[in-house]
Protein backbone atom coordinates (compact mmCIF):
# COMPACT_ATOMS: atom_id res chain seq x y z
CA UNK A 1 0.00 0.00 0.00
CA UNK A 2 1.74 3.14 -1.24
CA UNK A 3 0.72 6.37 0.49
CA UNK A 4 1.15 9.59 -1.46
CA UNK A 5 0.20 13.26 -1.36
CA UNK A 6 -0.46 15.28 -4.49
CA UNK A 7 -0.82 19.04 -4.69
CA UNK A 8 -2.96 20.29 -7.57
CA UNK A 9 -3.71 23.74 -8.96
CA UNK A 10 -6.95 23.74 -10.94
CA UNK A 11 -7.65 26.57 -13.39
CA UNK A 12 -10.74 27.58 -15.34
CA UNK A 13 -14.19 28.42 -14.01
CA UNK A 14 -13.70 26.62 -10.71
CA UNK A 15 -14.73 29.18 -8.10
CA UNK A 16 -18.36 29.77 -7.05
CA UNK A 17 -19.45 26.53 -8.77
CA UNK A 18 -19.25 24.13 -5.76
CA UNK A 19 -15.85 22.88 -6.90
CA UNK A 20 -14.31 22.70 -3.41
CA UNK A 21 -17.31 21.03 -1.78
CA UNK A 22 -17.63 18.55 -4.64
CA UNK A 23 -13.92 17.76 -4.35
CA UNK A 24 -14.39 17.15 -0.62
CA UNK A 25 -17.22 14.71 -1.31
CA UNK A 26 -15.18 12.85 -3.93
CA UNK A 27 -12.16 12.65 -1.62
CA UNK A 28 -14.08 11.45 1.43
CA UNK A 29 -15.93 8.82 -0.63
CA UNK A 30 -12.52 7.53 -1.78
CA UNK A 31 -10.90 7.63 1.66
CA UNK A 32 -8.60 10.51 0.70
CA UNK A 33 -7.72 13.32 3.11
CA UNK A 34 -6.53 16.87 2.45
CA UNK A 35 -8.07 20.21 1.60
CA UNK A 36 -9.26 22.50 -1.17
CA UNK A 37 -9.08 26.28 -1.13
CA UNK A 38 -9.69 29.18 -3.48
CA UNK A 39 -6.69 31.21 -4.58
CA UNK A 40 -6.79 34.97 -5.30
CA UNK A 41 -5.94 34.34 -8.99
CA UNK A 42 -9.15 32.34 -9.55
CA UNK A 43 -7.62 28.86 -9.29
CA UNK A 44 -8.39 26.23 -6.67
CA UNK A 45 -5.51 24.60 -4.80
CA UNK A 46 -6.07 21.01 -3.69
CA UNK A 47 -4.07 18.66 -1.48
CA UNK A 48 -4.90 14.96 -1.74
CA UNK A 49 -3.30 12.39 0.59
CA UNK A 50 -3.99 8.67 0.79
CA UNK A 51 -3.48 5.39 -1.00
CA UNK A 52 -2.07 5.97 -4.47
CA UNK A 53 -4.99 4.40 -6.35
CA UNK A 54 -7.58 6.41 -4.40
CA UNK A 55 -5.62 9.66 -4.83
CA UNK A 56 -5.36 8.99 -8.57
CA UNK A 57 -9.14 8.49 -8.79
CA UNK A 58 -9.85 11.84 -7.14
CA UNK A 59 -7.10 13.47 -9.21
CA UNK A 60 -8.75 12.24 -12.40
CA UNK A 61 -12.06 13.71 -11.20
CA UNK A 62 -10.39 17.12 -10.72
CA UNK A 63 -10.06 17.39 -14.52
CA UNK A 64 -13.87 17.29 -14.81
CA UNK A 65 -15.16 18.80 -11.58
CA UNK A 66 -18.84 19.42 -10.89
CA UNK A 67 -21.25 20.09 -13.76
CA UNK A 68 -21.09 23.90 -13.36
CA UNK A 69 -17.30 24.00 -13.57
CA UNK A 70 -15.20 24.47 -16.70
CA UNK A 71 -11.77 23.06 -15.93
CA UNK A 72 -9.09 24.43 -18.25
CA UNK A 73 -6.06 22.81 -16.64
CA UNK A 74 -4.68 20.92 -13.66
CA UNK A 75 -1.05 21.30 -12.60
CA UNK A 76 0.14 18.65 -10.16
CA UNK A 77 3.17 17.74 -8.13
CA UNK A 78 3.81 14.81 -5.81
CA UNK A 79 4.74 15.83 -2.27
CA UNK A 80 6.22 13.90 0.62
CA UNK A 81 3.65 12.01 2.68
CA UNK A 82 1.77 14.11 5.22
CA UNK A 83 -0.63 12.66 7.74
CA UNK A 84 -3.70 14.85 7.23
CA UNK A 85 -6.99 14.09 8.96
CA UNK A 86 -10.31 14.71 7.26
CA UNK A 87 -10.87 17.02 4.33
CA UNK A 88 -11.40 20.75 4.72
CA UNK A 89 -12.46 23.51 2.38
CA UNK A 90 -11.35 27.05 2.98
PDB file of N, CA and C in Angstrom:
ATOM      1  N   UNK A   1       0.849  -1.185   0.000  1.00  0.00           N
ATOM      2  CA  UNK A   1       0.000   0.000   0.000  1.00  0.00           C
ATOM      3  C   UNK A   1       0.891   1.244   0.000  1.00  0.00           C
ATOM      4  N   UNK A   2       0.927   1.927  -1.124  1.00  0.00           N
ATOM      5  CA  UNK A   2       1.739   3.137  -1.235  1.00  0.00           C
ATOM      6  C   UNK A   2       0.902   4.355  -0.861  1.00  0.00           C
ATOM      7  N   UNK A   3       1.399   5.135   0.080  1.00  0.00           N
ATOM      8  CA  UNK A   3       0.716   6.366   0.485  1.00  0.00           C
ATOM      9  C   UNK A   3       1.400   7.550  -0.180  1.00  0.00           C
ATOM     10  N   UNK A   4       0.599   8.423  -0.784  1.00  0.00           N
ATOM     11  CA  UNK A   4       1.154   9.595  -1.462  1.00  0.00           C
ATOM     12  C   UNK A   4       0.318  10.830  -1.145  1.00  0.00           C
ATOM     13  N   UNK A   5       0.907  11.975  -1.395  1.00  0.00           N
ATOM     14  CA  UNK A   5       0.199  13.258  -1.365  1.00  0.00           C
ATOM     15  C   UNK A   5       0.460  13.947  -2.695  1.00  0.00           C
ATOM     16  N   UNK A   6      -0.576  14.543  -3.242  1.00  0.00           N
ATOM     17  CA  UNK A   6      -0.461  15.282  -4.493  1.00  0.00           C
ATOM     18  C   UNK A   6      -1.069  16.664  -4.292  1.00  0.00           C
ATOM     19  N   UNK A   7      -0.321  17.671  -4.702  1.00  0.00           N
ATOM     20  CA  UNK A   7      -0.824  19.044  -4.688  1.00  0.00           C
ATOM     21  C   UNK A   7      -1.254  19.377  -6.109  1.00  0.00           C
ATOM     22  N   UNK A   8      -2.440  19.958  -6.248  1.00  0.00           N
ATOM     23  CA  UNK A   8      -2.956  20.294  -7.569  1.00  0.00           C
ATOM     24  C   UNK A   8      -3.437  21.735  -7.597  1.00  0.00           C
ATOM     25  N   UNK A   9      -3.211  22.391  -8.710  1.00  0.00           N
ATOM     26  CA  UNK A   9      -3.713  23.742  -8.956  1.00  0.00           C
ATOM     27  C   UNK A   9      -4.641  23.652 -10.155  1.00  0.00           C
ATOM     28  N   UNK A  10      -5.927  23.915  -9.922  1.00  0.00           N
ATOM     29  CA  UNK A  10      -6.952  23.740 -10.941  1.00  0.00           C
ATOM     30  C   UNK A  10      -7.361  25.111 -11.469  1.00  0.00           C
ATOM     31  N   UNK A  11      -7.304  25.281 -12.790  1.00  0.00           N
ATOM     32  CA  UNK A  11      -7.655  26.570 -13.391  1.00  0.00           C
ATOM     33  C   UNK A  11      -8.891  26.420 -14.270  1.00  0.00           C
ATOM     34  N   UNK A  12      -9.516  27.533 -14.551  1.00  0.00           N
ATOM     35  CA  UNK A  12     -10.740  27.581 -15.341  1.00  0.00           C
ATOM     36  C   UNK A  12     -11.833  28.244 -14.516  1.00  0.00           C
ATOM     37  N   UNK A  13     -13.075  27.900 -14.815  1.00  0.00           N
ATOM     38  CA  UNK A  13     -14.190  28.421 -14.011  1.00  0.00           C
ATOM     39  C   UNK A  13     -14.425  27.410 -12.896  1.00  0.00           C
ATOM     40  N   UNK A  14     -13.681  27.594 -11.791  1.00  0.00           N
ATOM     41  CA  UNK A  14     -13.699  26.618 -10.708  1.00  0.00           C
ATOM     42  C   UNK A  14     -14.027  27.253  -9.351  1.00  0.00           C
ATOM     43  N   UNK A  15     -14.295  28.537  -9.340  1.00  0.00           N
ATOM     44  CA  UNK A  15     -14.729  29.181  -8.101  1.00  0.00           C
ATOM     45  C   UNK A  15     -16.199  29.564  -8.245  1.00  0.00           C
ATOM     46  N   UNK A  16     -16.923  29.487  -7.114  1.00  0.00           N
ATOM     47  CA  UNK A  16     -18.362  29.771  -7.055  1.00  0.00           C
ATOM     48  C   UNK A  16     -19.195  28.795  -7.900  1.00  0.00           C
ATOM     49  N   UNK A  17     -18.707  27.565  -8.047  1.00  0.00           N
ATOM     50  CA  UNK A  17     -19.452  26.533  -8.772  1.00  0.00           C
ATOM     51  C   UNK A  17     -19.476  25.228  -7.970  1.00  0.00           C
ATOM     52  N   UNK A  18     -19.271  25.294  -6.659  1.00  0.00           N
ATOM     53  CA  UNK A  18     -19.254  24.135  -5.757  1.00  0.00           C
ATOM     54  C   UNK A  18     -18.078  23.201  -6.027  1.00  0.00           C
ATOM     55  N   UNK A  19     -17.007  23.728  -6.584  1.00  0.00           N
ATOM     56  CA  UNK A  19     -15.851  22.875  -6.900  1.00  0.00           C
ATOM     57  C   UNK A  19     -15.214  22.309  -5.633  1.00  0.00           C
ATOM     58  N   UNK A  20     -14.960  23.163  -4.636  1.00  0.00           N
ATOM     59  CA  UNK A  20     -14.305  22.698  -3.407  1.00  0.00           C
ATOM     60  C   UNK A  20     -15.156  21.679  -2.665  1.00  0.00           C
ATOM     61  N   UNK A  21     -16.434  21.962  -2.504  1.00  0.00           N
ATOM     62  CA  UNK A  21     -17.314  21.034  -1.776  1.00  0.00           C
ATOM     63  C   UNK A  21     -17.449  19.719  -2.529  1.00  0.00           C
ATOM     64  N   UNK A  22     -17.543  19.772  -3.845  1.00  0.00           N
ATOM     65  CA  UNK A  22     -17.629  18.548  -4.645  1.00  0.00           C
ATOM     66  C   UNK A  22     -16.339  17.744  -4.548  1.00  0.00           C
ATOM     67  N   UNK A  23     -15.204  18.440  -4.521  1.00  0.00           N
ATOM     68  CA  UNK A  23     -13.918  17.755  -4.350  1.00  0.00           C
ATOM     69  C   UNK A  23     -13.871  17.061  -2.996  1.00  0.00           C
ATOM     70  N   UNK A  24     -14.355  17.750  -1.964  1.00  0.00           N
ATOM     71  CA  UNK A  24     -14.393  17.152  -0.623  1.00  0.00           C
ATOM     72  C   UNK A  24     -15.211  15.871  -0.633  1.00  0.00           C
ATOM     73  N   UNK A  25     -16.360  15.896  -1.257  1.00  0.00           N
ATOM     74  CA  UNK A  25     -17.222  14.707  -1.313  1.00  0.00           C
ATOM     75  C   UNK A  25     -16.539  13.559  -2.045  1.00  0.00           C
ATOM     76  N   UNK A  26     -15.894  13.874  -3.171  1.00  0.00           N
ATOM     77  CA  UNK A  26     -15.178  12.846  -3.931  1.00  0.00           C
ATOM     78  C   UNK A  26     -14.051  12.247  -3.093  1.00  0.00           C
ATOM     79  N   UNK A  27     -13.305  13.110  -2.411  1.00  0.00           N
ATOM     80  CA  UNK A  27     -12.160  12.655  -1.616  1.00  0.00           C
ATOM     81  C   UNK A  27     -12.623  11.763  -0.466  1.00  0.00           C
ATOM     82  N   UNK A  28     -13.611  12.220   0.286  1.00  0.00           N
ATOM     83  CA  UNK A  28     -14.076  11.447   1.434  1.00  0.00           C
ATOM     84  C   UNK A  28     -14.663  10.111   0.995  1.00  0.00           C
ATOM     85  N   UNK A  29     -15.371  10.079  -0.120  1.00  0.00           N
ATOM     86  CA  UNK A  29     -15.931   8.825  -0.632  1.00  0.00           C
ATOM     87  C   UNK A  29     -14.828   7.840  -1.025  1.00  0.00           C
ATOM     88  N   UNK A  30     -13.648   8.371  -1.369  1.00  0.00           N
ATOM     89  CA  UNK A  30     -12.520   7.525  -1.777  1.00  0.00           C
ATOM     90  C   UNK A  30     -11.546   7.249  -0.638  1.00  0.00           C
ATOM     91  N   UNK A  31     -11.811   7.818   0.533  1.00  0.00           N
ATOM     92  CA  UNK A  31     -10.898   7.626   1.662  1.00  0.00           C
ATOM     93  C   UNK A  31      -9.650   8.488   1.592  1.00  0.00           C
ATOM     94  N   UNK A  32      -9.736   9.597   0.875  1.00  0.00           N
ATOM     95  CA  UNK A  32      -8.604  10.506   0.698  1.00  0.00           C
ATOM     96  C   UNK A  32      -8.774  11.710   1.626  1.00  0.00           C
ATOM     97  N   UNK A  33      -7.684  12.151   2.237  1.00  0.00           N
ATOM     98  CA  UNK A  33      -7.717  13.323   3.107  1.00  0.00           C
ATOM     99  C   UNK A  33      -7.040  14.495   2.410  1.00  0.00           C
ATOM    100  N   UNK A  34      -7.192  15.689   3.008  1.00  0.00           N
ATOM    101  CA  UNK A  34      -6.531  16.867   2.449  1.00  0.00           C
ATOM    102  C   UNK A  34      -7.380  18.102   2.591  1.00  0.00           C
ATOM    103  N   UNK A  35      -7.310  18.968   1.588  1.00  0.00           N
ATOM    104  CA  UNK A  35      -8.068  20.214   1.605  1.00  0.00           C
ATOM    105  C   UNK A  35      -8.169  20.795   0.210  1.00  0.00           C
ATOM    106  N   UNK A  36      -9.103  21.739   0.071  1.00  0.00           N
ATOM    107  CA  UNK A  36      -9.265  22.496  -1.173  1.00  0.00           C
ATOM    108  C   UNK A  36      -9.540  23.936  -0.791  1.00  0.00           C
ATOM    109  N   UNK A  37      -8.856  24.866  -1.445  1.00  0.00           N
ATOM    110  CA  UNK A  37      -9.076  26.280  -1.131  1.00  0.00           C
ATOM    111  C   UNK A  37      -8.972  27.127  -2.387  1.00  0.00           C
ATOM    112  N   UNK A  38      -9.742  28.213  -2.383  1.00  0.00           N
ATOM    113  CA  UNK A  38      -9.689  29.176  -3.479  1.00  0.00           C
ATOM    114  C   UNK A  38      -8.415  29.998  -3.376  1.00  0.00           C
ATOM    115  N   UNK A  39      -7.852  30.334  -4.521  1.00  0.00           N
ATOM    116  CA  UNK A  39      -6.690  31.214  -4.581  1.00  0.00           C
ATOM    117  C   UNK A  39      -7.125  32.566  -5.163  1.00  0.00           C
ATOM    118  N   UNK A  40      -6.418  33.636  -4.802  1.00  0.00           N
ATOM    119  CA  UNK A  40      -6.791  34.969  -5.297  1.00  0.00           C
ATOM    120  C   UNK A  40      -6.797  35.090  -6.823  1.00  0.00           C
ATOM    121  N   UNK A  41      -6.020  34.244  -7.523  1.00  0.00           N
ATOM    122  CA  UNK A  41      -5.939  34.342  -8.985  1.00  0.00           C
ATOM    123  C   UNK A  41      -7.051  33.575  -9.703  1.00  0.00           C
ATOM    124  N   UNK A  42      -8.021  33.031  -8.941  1.00  0.00           N
ATOM    125  CA  UNK A  42      -9.148  32.335  -9.551  1.00  0.00           C
ATOM    126  C   UNK A  42      -9.000  30.822  -9.614  1.00  0.00           C
ATOM    127  N   UNK A  43      -7.811  30.315  -9.293  1.00  0.00           N
ATOM    128  CA  UNK A  43      -7.619  28.864  -9.289  1.00  0.00           C
ATOM    129  C   UNK A  43      -8.060  28.273  -7.953  1.00  0.00           C
ATOM    130  N   UNK A  44      -8.162  26.955  -7.912  1.00  0.00           N
ATOM    131  CA  UNK A  44      -8.393  26.230  -6.666  1.00  0.00           C
ATOM    132  C   UNK A  44      -7.163  25.361  -6.424  1.00  0.00           C
ATOM    133  N   UNK A  45      -6.632  25.439  -5.208  1.00  0.00           N
ATOM    134  CA  UNK A  45      -5.505  24.596  -4.804  1.00  0.00           C
ATOM    135  C   UNK A  45      -6.061  23.425  -4.007  1.00  0.00           C
ATOM    136  N   UNK A  46      -5.577  22.221  -4.327  1.00  0.00           N
ATOM    137  CA  UNK A  46      -6.074  21.007  -3.685  1.00  0.00           C
ATOM    138  C   UNK A  46      -4.896  20.179  -3.194  1.00  0.00           C
ATOM    139  N   UNK A  47      -5.019  19.625  -1.989  1.00  0.00           N
ATOM    140  CA  UNK A  47      -4.066  18.658  -1.476  1.00  0.00           C
ATOM    141  C   UNK A  47      -4.812  17.352  -1.269  1.00  0.00           C
ATOM    142  N   UNK A  48      -4.298  16.282  -1.856  1.00  0.00           N
ATOM    143  CA  UNK A  48      -4.899  14.956  -1.742  1.00  0.00           C
ATOM    144  C   UNK A  48      -3.874  14.004  -1.152  1.00  0.00           C
ATOM    145  N   UNK A  49      -4.209  13.333  -0.050  1.00  0.00           N
ATOM    146  CA  UNK A  49      -3.305  12.387   0.588  1.00  0.00           C
ATOM    147  C   UNK A  49      -4.032  11.075   0.858  1.00  0.00           C
ATOM    148  N   UNK A  50      -3.389   9.973   0.541  1.00  0.00           N
ATOM    149  CA  UNK A  50      -3.988   8.670   0.789  1.00  0.00           C
ATOM    150  C   UNK A  50      -3.306   7.597  -0.030  1.00  0.00           C
ATOM    151  N   UNK A  51      -4.004   6.468  -0.184  1.00  0.00           N
ATOM    152  CA  UNK A  51      -3.477   5.387  -1.001  1.00  0.00           C
ATOM    153  C   UNK A  51      -3.402   5.853  -2.449  1.00  0.00           C
ATOM    154  N   UNK A  52      -2.333   5.462  -3.123  1.00  0.00           N
ATOM    155  CA  UNK A  52      -2.065   5.971  -4.468  1.00  0.00           C
ATOM    156  C   UNK A  52      -3.241   5.801  -5.419  1.00  0.00           C
ATOM    157  N   UNK A  53      -3.873   4.637  -5.421  1.00  0.00           N
ATOM    158  CA  UNK A  53      -4.988   4.403  -6.349  1.00  0.00           C
ATOM    159  C   UNK A  53      -6.156   5.341  -6.053  1.00  0.00           C
ATOM    160  N   UNK A  54      -6.471   5.531  -4.777  1.00  0.00           N
ATOM    161  CA  UNK A  54      -7.575   6.414  -4.400  1.00  0.00           C
ATOM    162  C   UNK A  54      -7.264   7.860  -4.749  1.00  0.00           C
ATOM    163  N   UNK A  55      -6.032   8.292  -4.486  1.00  0.00           N
ATOM    164  CA  UNK A  55      -5.624   9.659  -4.832  1.00  0.00           C
ATOM    165  C   UNK A  55      -5.730   9.859  -6.343  1.00  0.00           C
ATOM    166  N   UNK A  56      -5.291   8.873  -7.111  1.00  0.00           N
ATOM    167  CA  UNK A  56      -5.359   8.986  -8.572  1.00  0.00           C
ATOM    168  C   UNK A  56      -6.794   9.087  -9.070  1.00  0.00           C
ATOM    169  N   UNK A  57      -7.733   8.400  -8.406  1.00  0.00           N
ATOM    170  CA  UNK A  57      -9.138   8.486  -8.794  1.00  0.00           C
ATOM    171  C   UNK A  57      -9.672   9.898  -8.578  1.00  0.00           C
ATOM    172  N   UNK A  58      -9.378  10.487  -7.419  1.00  0.00           N
ATOM    173  CA  UNK A  58      -9.849  11.842  -7.141  1.00  0.00           C
ATOM    174  C   UNK A  58      -9.140  12.829  -8.064  1.00  0.00           C
ATOM    175  N   UNK A  59      -7.868  12.603  -8.302  1.00  0.00           N
ATOM    176  CA  UNK A  59      -7.105  13.470  -9.205  1.00  0.00           C
ATOM    177  C   UNK A  59      -7.721  13.464 -10.603  1.00  0.00           C
ATOM    178  N   UNK A  60      -8.114  12.320 -11.087  1.00  0.00           N
ATOM    179  CA  UNK A  60      -8.754  12.237 -12.405  1.00  0.00           C
ATOM    180  C   UNK A  60     -10.061  13.023 -12.404  1.00  0.00           C
ATOM    181  N   UNK A  61     -10.805  12.973 -11.289  1.00  0.00           N
ATOM    182  CA  UNK A  61     -12.061  13.710 -11.195  1.00  0.00           C
ATOM    183  C   UNK A  61     -11.824  15.220 -11.252  1.00  0.00           C
ATOM    184  N   UNK A  62     -10.684  15.686 -10.724  1.00  0.00           N
ATOM    185  CA  UNK A  62     -10.387  17.123 -10.721  1.00  0.00           C
ATOM    186  C   UNK A  62     -10.413  17.711 -12.127  1.00  0.00           C
ATOM    187  N   UNK A  63     -10.082  16.914 -13.135  1.00  0.00           N
ATOM    188  CA  UNK A  63     -10.056  17.390 -14.519  1.00  0.00           C
ATOM    189  C   UNK A  63     -11.463  17.661 -15.049  1.00  0.00           C
ATOM    190  N   UNK A  64     -12.486  17.063 -14.406  1.00  0.00           N
ATOM    191  CA  UNK A  64     -13.869  17.286 -14.814  1.00  0.00           C
ATOM    192  C   UNK A  64     -14.575  18.250 -13.872  1.00  0.00           C
ATOM    193  N   UNK A  65     -14.494  17.972 -12.570  1.00  0.00           N
ATOM    194  CA  UNK A  65     -15.160  18.800 -11.581  1.00  0.00           C
ATOM    195  C   UNK A  65     -16.668  18.658 -11.646  1.00  0.00           C
ATOM    196  N   UNK A  66     -17.384  19.467 -10.869  1.00  0.00           N
ATOM    197  CA  UNK A  66     -18.841  19.416 -10.894  1.00  0.00           C
ATOM    198  C   UNK A  66     -19.376  19.967 -12.214  1.00  0.00           C
ATOM    199  N   UNK A  67     -20.668  19.738 -12.464  1.00  0.00           N
ATOM    200  CA  UNK A  67     -21.248  20.088 -13.759  1.00  0.00           C
ATOM    201  C   UNK A  67     -21.159  21.577 -14.095  1.00  0.00           C
ATOM    202  N   UNK A  68     -21.162  22.460 -13.099  1.00  0.00           N
ATOM    203  CA  UNK A  68     -21.091  23.902 -13.360  1.00  0.00           C
ATOM    204  C   UNK A  68     -19.684  24.409 -13.655  1.00  0.00           C
ATOM    205  N   UNK A  69     -18.694  23.583 -13.384  1.00  0.00           N
ATOM    206  CA  UNK A  69     -17.298  23.999 -13.570  1.00  0.00           C
ATOM    207  C   UNK A  69     -16.869  23.842 -15.030  1.00  0.00           C
ATOM    208  N   UNK A  70     -15.856  24.621 -15.393  1.00  0.00           N
ATOM    209  CA  UNK A  70     -15.200  24.475 -16.696  1.00  0.00           C
ATOM    210  C   UNK A  70     -13.703  24.437 -16.425  1.00  0.00           C
ATOM    211  N   UNK A  71     -13.181  23.233 -16.259  1.00  0.00           N
ATOM    212  CA  UNK A  71     -11.769  23.058 -15.929  1.00  0.00           C
ATOM    213  C   UNK A  71     -10.935  23.248 -17.185  1.00  0.00           C
ATOM    214  N   UNK A  72      -9.977  24.161 -17.108  1.00  0.00           N
ATOM    215  CA  UNK A  72      -9.086  24.429 -18.247  1.00  0.00           C
ATOM    216  C   UNK A  72      -7.754  23.708 -18.097  1.00  0.00           C
ATOM    217  N   UNK A  73      -7.327  23.486 -16.846  1.00  0.00           N
ATOM    218  CA  UNK A  73      -6.056  22.812 -16.642  1.00  0.00           C
ATOM    219  C   UNK A  73      -5.864  22.404 -15.193  1.00  0.00           C
ATOM    220  N   UNK A  74      -5.033  21.382 -15.004  1.00  0.00           N
ATOM    221  CA  UNK A  74      -4.680  20.921 -13.665  1.00  0.00           C
ATOM    222  C   UNK A  74      -3.175  20.703 -13.641  1.00  0.00           C
ATOM    223  N   UNK A  75      -2.487  21.473 -12.799  1.00  0.00           N
ATOM    224  CA  UNK A  75      -1.050  21.298 -12.604  1.00  0.00           C
ATOM    225  C   UNK A  75      -0.860  20.525 -11.314  1.00  0.00           C
ATOM    226  N   UNK A  76      -0.038  19.476 -11.346  1.00  0.00           N
ATOM    227  CA  UNK A  76       0.144  18.650 -10.160  1.00  0.00           C
ATOM    228  C   UNK A  76       1.614  18.452  -9.828  1.00  0.00           C
ATOM    229  N   UNK A  77       1.849  18.174  -8.558  1.00  0.00           N
ATOM    230  CA  UNK A  77       3.172  17.737  -8.131  1.00  0.00           C
ATOM    231  C   UNK A  77       2.999  16.806  -6.940  1.00  0.00           C
ATOM    232  N   UNK A  78       3.837  15.763  -6.911  1.00  0.00           N
ATOM    233  CA  UNK A  78       3.809  14.812  -5.813  1.00  0.00           C
ATOM    234  C   UNK A  78       4.629  15.389  -4.668  1.00  0.00           C
ATOM    235  N   UNK A  79       4.064  15.328  -3.469  1.00  0.00           N
ATOM    236  CA  UNK A  79       4.742  15.825  -2.273  1.00  0.00           C
ATOM    237  C   UNK A  79       5.085  14.662  -1.360  1.00  0.00           C
ATOM    238  N   UNK A  80       5.940  14.920  -0.382  1.00  0.00           N
ATOM    239  CA  UNK A  80       6.217  13.903   0.622  1.00  0.00           C
ATOM    240  C   UNK A  80       4.954  13.636   1.415  1.00  0.00           C
ATOM    241  N   UNK A  81       4.826  12.411   1.928  1.00  0.00           N
ATOM    242  CA  UNK A  81       3.649  12.008   2.679  1.00  0.00           C
ATOM    243  C   UNK A  81       3.426  12.926   3.871  1.00  0.00           C
ATOM    244  N   UNK A  82       2.194  13.331   4.060  1.00  0.00           N
ATOM    245  CA  UNK A  82       1.775  14.115   5.221  1.00  0.00           C
ATOM    246  C   UNK A  82       0.551  13.428   5.802  1.00  0.00           C
ATOM    247  N   UNK A  83       0.539  13.249   7.101  1.00  0.00           N
ATOM    248  CA  UNK A  83      -0.635  12.663   7.743  1.00  0.00           C
ATOM    249  C   UNK A  83      -1.640  13.787   7.968  1.00  0.00           C
ATOM    250  N   UNK A  84      -2.670  13.840   7.153  1.00  0.00           N
ATOM    251  CA  UNK A  84      -3.703  14.855   7.232  1.00  0.00           C
ATOM    252  C   UNK A  84      -4.994  14.159   7.619  1.00  0.00           C
ATOM    253  N   UNK A  85      -5.725  14.728   8.568  1.00  0.00           N
ATOM    254  CA  UNK A  85      -6.993  14.092   8.959  1.00  0.00           C
ATOM    255  C   UNK A  85      -8.156  14.864   8.347  1.00  0.00           C
ATOM    256  N   UNK A  86      -9.129  14.105   7.848  1.00  0.00           N
ATOM    257  CA  UNK A  86     -10.308  14.707   7.264  1.00  0.00           C
ATOM    258  C   UNK A  86     -10.037  15.433   5.966  1.00  0.00           C
ATOM    259  N   UNK A  87     -11.001  16.221   5.554  1.00  0.00           N
ATOM    260  CA  UNK A  87     -10.865  17.022   4.333  1.00  0.00           C
ATOM    261  C   UNK A  87     -11.558  18.338   4.572  1.00  0.00           C
ATOM    262  N   UNK A  88     -10.833  19.424   4.434  1.00  0.00           N
ATOM    263  CA  UNK A  88     -11.398  20.749   4.718  1.00  0.00           C
ATOM    264  C   UNK A  88     -11.464  21.581   3.439  1.00  0.00           C
ATOM    265  N   UNK A  89     -12.371  22.537   3.463  1.00  0.00           N
ATOM    266  CA  UNK A  89     -12.460  23.515   2.379  1.00  0.00           C
ATOM    267  C   UNK A  89     -12.326  24.885   3.009  1.00  0.00           C
ATOM    268  N   UNK A  90     -11.555  25.735   2.392  1.00  0.00           N
ATOM    269  CA  UNK A  90     -11.348  27.050   2.982  1.00  0.00           C
ATOM    270  C   UNK A  90     -11.130  28.092   1.948  1.00  0.00           C
TER     271      UNK A  90
END
